[in-house]
C-alpha atoms as a PDB file:
ATOM      1  CA  MET A   1       4.322  12.862  14.500  1.00  0.00           C
ATOM      2  CA  TYR A   2       6.392  13.759  17.548  1.00  0.00           C
ATOM      3  CA  GLN A   3       9.717  12.008  18.149  1.00  0.00           C
ATOM      4  CA  SER A   4      11.822  12.689  21.194  1.00  0.00           C
ATOM      5  CA  ASP A   5      15.418  13.835  20.900  1.00  0.00           C
ATOM      6  CA  ILE A   6      16.621  10.418  21.986  1.00  0.00           C
ATOM      7  CA  THR A   7      14.528   8.644  19.335  1.00  0.00           C
ATOM      8  CA  GLN A   8      15.848  11.022  16.671  1.00  0.00           C
ATOM      9  CA  PHE A   9      19.405  10.417  17.853  1.00  0.00           C
ATOM     10  CA  LEU A  10      18.981   6.635  17.757  1.00  0.00           C
ATOM     11  CA  ASN A  11      17.452   6.752  14.279  1.00  0.00           C
ATOM     12  CA  GLN A  12      20.344   8.876  13.010  1.00  0.00           C
ATOM     13  CA  LEU A  13      22.858   6.551  14.634  1.00  0.00           C
ATOM     14  CA  LYS A  14      21.252   3.520  12.982  1.00  0.00           C
ATOM     15  CA  GLN A  15      21.359   5.268   9.614  1.00  0.00           C
ATOM     16  CA  GLN A  16      25.025   6.191  10.037  1.00  0.00           C
ATOM     17  CA  LYS A  17      26.045   2.755  11.312  1.00  0.00           C
ATOM     18  CA  PRO A  18      23.751   0.080   9.825  1.00  0.00           C
ATOM     19  CA  GLN A  19      25.929  -2.723  11.266  1.00  0.00           C
ATOM     20  CA  LEU A  20      25.401  -1.488  14.844  1.00  0.00           C
ATOM     21  CA  GLU A  21      22.459  -3.768  15.683  1.00  0.00           C
ATOM     22  CA  GLU A  22      24.290  -6.850  14.423  1.00  0.00           C
ATOM     23  CA  GLN A  23      27.321  -5.955  16.554  1.00  0.00           C
ATOM     24  CA  GLN A  24      25.048  -5.555  19.567  1.00  0.00           C
ATOM     25  CA  ARG A  25      23.521  -8.989  18.962  1.00  0.00           C
ATOM     26  CA  LYS A  26      26.986 -10.572  18.689  1.00  0.00           C
ATOM     27  CA  GLY A  27      28.059  -8.899  21.936  1.00  0.00           C
ATOM     28  CA  ARG A  28      24.965 -10.113  23.733  1.00  0.00           C
ATOM     29  CA  ALA A  29      25.453 -13.651  22.449  1.00  0.00           C
ATOM     30  CA  LEU A  30      29.069 -13.586  23.584  1.00  0.00           C
ATOM     31  CA  LEU A  31      28.358 -12.374  27.112  1.00  0.00           C
ATOM     32  CA  TRP A  32      24.804 -13.393  28.012  1.00  0.00           C
ATOM     33  CA  ASP A  33      23.319 -16.084  25.786  1.00  0.00           C
ATOM     34  CA  LYS A  34      24.741 -19.321  27.153  1.00  0.00           C
ATOM     35  CA  GLN A  35      24.001 -22.869  26.120  1.00  0.00           C
ATOM     36  CA  PRO A  36      22.056 -24.875  28.731  1.00  0.00           C
ATOM     37  CA  LEU A  37      24.170 -27.169  30.877  1.00  0.00           C
ATOM     38  CA  ASP A  38      23.947 -30.895  30.503  1.00  0.00           C
ATOM     39  CA  LEU A  39      22.129 -32.348  33.533  1.00  0.00           C
ATOM     40  CA  ASP A  40      24.915 -34.857  34.224  1.00  0.00           C
ATOM     41  CA  GLU A  41      27.523 -32.083  34.042  1.00  0.00           C
ATOM     42  CA  ARG A  42      25.493 -29.914  36.401  1.00  0.00           C
ATOM     43  CA  GLU A  43      25.152 -32.786  38.877  1.00  0.00           C
ATOM     44  CA  ARG A  44      28.932 -33.359  38.797  1.00  0.00           C
ATOM     45  CA  GLN A  45      29.568 -29.661  39.384  1.00  0.00           C
ATOM     46  CA  GLN A  46      27.235 -29.556  42.371  1.00  0.00           C
ATOM     47  CA  ALA A  47      28.716 -32.749  43.839  1.00  0.00           C
ATOM     48  CA  SER A  48      32.267 -31.388  43.582  1.00  0.00           C
ATOM     49  CA  ARG A  49      31.397 -28.120  45.309  1.00  0.00           C
ATOM     50  CA  VAL A  50      33.138 -27.616  48.670  1.00  0.00           C
ATOM     51  CA  LYS A  51      30.691 -27.012  51.498  1.00  0.00           C
ATOM     52  CA  GLN A  52      30.898 -23.582  53.087  1.00  0.00           C
ATOM     53  CA  THR A  53      31.275 -23.312  56.841  1.00  0.00           C
ATOM     54  CA  SER A  54      28.501 -21.657  58.836  1.00  0.00           C
ATOM     55  CA  TYR A  55      30.683 -18.647  59.701  1.00  0.00           C
ATOM     56  CA  VAL A  56      33.022 -18.000  56.806  1.00  0.00           C
ATOM     57  CA  TYR A  57      35.173 -15.352  58.490  1.00  0.00           C
ATOM     58  CA  TYR A  58      36.377 -17.709  61.202  1.00  0.00           C
ATOM     59  CA  GLN A  59      38.551 -20.562  60.092  1.00  0.00           C
ATOM     60  CA  ASN A  60      39.317 -23.041  62.859  1.00  0.00           C
ATOM     61  CA  PHE A  61      42.634 -24.513  61.727  1.00  0.00           C
END
């Protein structure tokens, strides 16, 4: 059965470093998998947000 060079490389890498997939999962969980916000907390965050002016580059002081 044909396997591309990339597939062969990935299979070899997984054999050499069996902990690699677990490290990838931990990295993903750290950076991307976030807990859902509490609805009350989200409402407070949106209420405390400062409104942006219509033209942000001009500040009329």
